[in-house]
Amino acid sequence: MLTRLNAIAIGGVFRYYKKDWLGGFALNIGIGSVVEAELWGIFEGLKIAWKAGYKKIIMESDSKNVVMLLSSPLSLNHPLFHFIQDSILLMEKDWRCYMQHVYRECNRVANGMVCLNHSLGLDTVWFDNPSTPIVDHLIFLKTM
């Protein structure tokens, strides 16, 4: 269900098994809903992972609604049908692509990327190295 529209941004992180930083991305996408931002973030992350040649990925989202949307039969009447369908088609390509729900505390790094991006333009920004606030979140995750 689409609800309030706000200024939204997306971000994602590529790590080797929850530890080593491989890269991150952020994109300011303008106005939309929280669900739209989550779906867009997953879609953008899938596109980047596919182009990078990753053969096995585990996508984590702190949105149970989005995980269910991508795991359940799709309704043609859903307002984000094409977005959901495009994400599912990417997930079904020739690779191992898993999706799982994680609690917000475990998703701090990706959420940090989103916060960085509200001040950026409308182009995808790639981060080869994490910024200082992101490093703090990575250190926290390594202790878990």
Protein backbone atom coordinates (compact mmCIF):
# COMPACT_ATOMS: atom_id res chain seq x y z
CA MET A 1 0.00 0.00 0.00
CA LEU A 2 1.31 3.43 -0.85
CA THR A 3 1.01 5.99 1.91
CA ARG A 4 2.55 9.41 2.53
CA LEU A 5 4.89 10.81 -0.06
CA ASN A 6 8.15 12.30 1.19
CA ALA A 7 11.60 13.15 -0.06
CA ILE A 8 13.24 9.75 -0.46
CA ALA A 9 16.70 8.41 -1.15
CA ILE A 10 18.07 4.91 -1.52
CA GLY A 11 21.32 3.27 -0.59
CA GLY A 12 22.89 -0.12 -0.46
CA VAL A 13 26.04 -1.87 0.58
CA PHE A 14 27.98 -4.75 -0.88
CA ARG A 15 29.90 -6.72 1.72
CA TYR A 16 31.61 -10.07 1.75
CA TYR A 17 29.61 -12.12 4.24
CA LYS A 18 28.66 -9.20 6.51
CA LYS A 19 32.22 -8.09 7.04
CA ASP A 20 34.51 -6.70 4.36
CA TRP A 21 33.38 -3.62 2.46
CA LEU A 22 33.11 -4.19 -1.29
CA GLY A 23 31.32 -0.93 -2.06
CA GLY A 24 28.20 1.07 -1.52
CA PHE A 25 25.80 3.22 -3.47
CA ALA A 26 23.37 6.02 -2.79
CA LEU A 27 20.85 7.85 -4.91
CA ASN A 28 18.46 10.70 -4.19
CA ILE A 29 15.25 9.77 -6.02
CA GLY A 30 13.01 12.70 -5.19
CA ILE A 31 9.47 12.22 -3.88
CA GLY A 32 7.82 8.89 -3.11
CA SER A 33 6.71 6.43 -0.45
CA VAL A 34 8.83 4.35 1.91
CA VAL A 35 7.81 1.16 0.08
CA GLU A 36 8.77 2.73 -3.23
CA ALA A 37 12.19 3.68 -1.82
CA GLU A 38 12.79 0.16 -0.50
CA LEU A 39 11.82 -1.43 -3.82
CA TRP A 40 13.92 1.04 -5.78
CA GLY A 41 16.91 0.38 -3.51
CA ILE A 42 16.62 -3.35 -4.03
CA PHE A 43 16.18 -2.96 -7.78
CA GLU A 44 19.21 -0.65 -8.06
CA GLY A 45 21.28 -3.00 -5.90
CA LEU A 46 20.31 -5.97 -8.06
CA LYS A 47 21.29 -4.11 -11.23
CA ILE A 48 24.68 -3.17 -9.78
CA ALA A 49 25.32 -6.71 -8.49
CA TRP A 50 24.40 -8.26 -11.85
CA LYS A 51 26.63 -5.85 -13.80
CA ALA A 52 29.49 -6.50 -11.36
CA GLY A 53 29.22 -10.23 -12.05
CA TYR A 54 28.36 -11.37 -8.55
CA LYS A 55 27.10 -14.96 -8.72
CA LYS A 56 25.62 -15.30 -5.25
CA ILE A 57 23.99 -12.52 -3.29
CA ILE A 58 21.90 -12.26 -0.17
CA MET A 59 19.70 -9.19 -0.16
CA GLU A 60 18.66 -7.92 3.23
CA SER A 61 15.82 -5.52 3.85
CA ASP A 62 14.36 -4.24 7.08
CA SER A 63 10.96 -3.92 5.39
CA LYS A 64 8.85 -7.03 5.90
CA ASN A 65 6.29 -5.61 3.46
CA VAL A 66 8.83 -5.39 0.65
CA VAL A 67 10.25 -8.86 1.36
CA MET A 68 6.70 -10.23 1.16
CA LEU A 69 5.96 -8.28 -2.05
CA LEU A 70 9.01 -9.84 -3.70
CA SER A 71 8.29 -13.33 -2.35
CA SER A 72 4.54 -13.64 -2.92
CA PRO A 73 2.37 -13.97 -6.03
CA LEU A 74 2.18 -10.59 -7.71
CA SER A 75 -1.09 -8.73 -8.22
CA LEU A 76 -1.48 -6.95 -11.55
CA ASN A 77 -3.43 -4.26 -9.69
CA HIS A 78 -0.58 -3.29 -7.37
CA PRO A 79 0.42 0.35 -8.00
CA LEU A 80 4.10 -0.67 -8.10
CA PHE A 81 3.51 -3.77 -10.25
CA HIS A 82 6.18 -2.99 -12.86
CA PHE A 83 8.79 -2.15 -10.25
CA ILE A 84 8.11 -5.39 -8.38
CA GLN A 85 8.03 -7.43 -11.58
CA ASP A 86 11.34 -5.99 -12.82
CA SER A 87 12.99 -6.80 -9.48
CA ILE A 88 11.65 -10.36 -9.54
CA LEU A 89 12.89 -10.83 -13.12
CA LEU A 90 16.36 -9.71 -12.05
CA MET A 91 16.28 -12.09 -9.08
CA GLU A 92 15.39 -14.97 -11.40
CA LYS A 93 18.43 -14.50 -13.67
CA ASP A 94 21.22 -17.10 -13.77
CA TRP A 95 22.63 -16.53 -10.29
CA ARG A 96 21.82 -17.37 -6.70
CA CYS A 97 19.84 -14.51 -5.30
CA TYR A 98 18.27 -14.76 -1.86
CA MET A 99 16.11 -12.24 -0.07
CA GLN A 100 15.66 -12.05 3.67
CA HIS A 101 14.22 -9.76 6.28
CA VAL A 102 16.59 -8.32 8.87
CA TYR A 103 15.88 -6.08 11.81
CA ARG A 104 16.63 -2.39 11.42
CA GLU A 105 19.63 -2.66 13.78
CA CYS A 106 21.28 -5.10 11.36
CA ASN A 107 20.62 -2.77 8.44
CA ARG A 108 22.41 0.26 9.89
CA VAL A 109 25.04 0.44 7.17
CA ALA A 110 22.53 0.59 4.29
CA ASN A 111 20.39 3.07 6.22
CA GLY A 112 23.50 5.17 6.78
CA MET A 113 24.08 5.26 3.03
CA VAL A 114 20.55 6.59 2.56
CA CYS A 115 21.14 9.37 5.10
CA LEU A 116 24.33 10.41 3.31
CA ASN A 117 22.49 10.82 0.06
CA HIS A 118 19.70 13.22 0.94
CA SER A 119 22.16 16.03 0.20
CA LEU A 120 23.38 14.60 -3.13
CA GLY A 121 22.10 15.13 -6.65
CA LEU A 122 19.97 12.75 -8.69
CA ASP A 123 22.81 10.54 -9.95
CA THR A 124 23.87 7.26 -8.37
CA VAL A 125 26.98 7.79 -6.25
CA TRP A 126 29.34 4.82 -5.74
CA PHE A 127 31.51 4.63 -2.62
CA ASP A 128 34.69 2.56 -2.90
CA ASN A 129 35.43 3.26 0.76
CA PRO A 130 33.00 3.80 3.62
CA SER A 131 32.69 7.24 5.20
CA THR A 132 33.46 7.64 8.90
CA PRO A 133 29.85 7.17 10.15
CA ILE A 134 29.57 4.04 8.00
CA VAL A 135 32.86 2.66 9.38
CA ASP A 136 31.38 2.92 12.88
CA HIS A 137 28.40 0.81 11.78
CA LEU A 138 30.70 -1.75 10.14
CA ILE A 139 32.72 -2.08 13.35
CA PHE A 140 29.46 -2.65 15.25
CA LEU A 141 28.43 -5.42 12.82
CA LYS A 142 31.78 -7.20 13.15
CA THR A 143 31.20 -7.49 16.90
CA MET A 144 27.83 -9.21 16.43
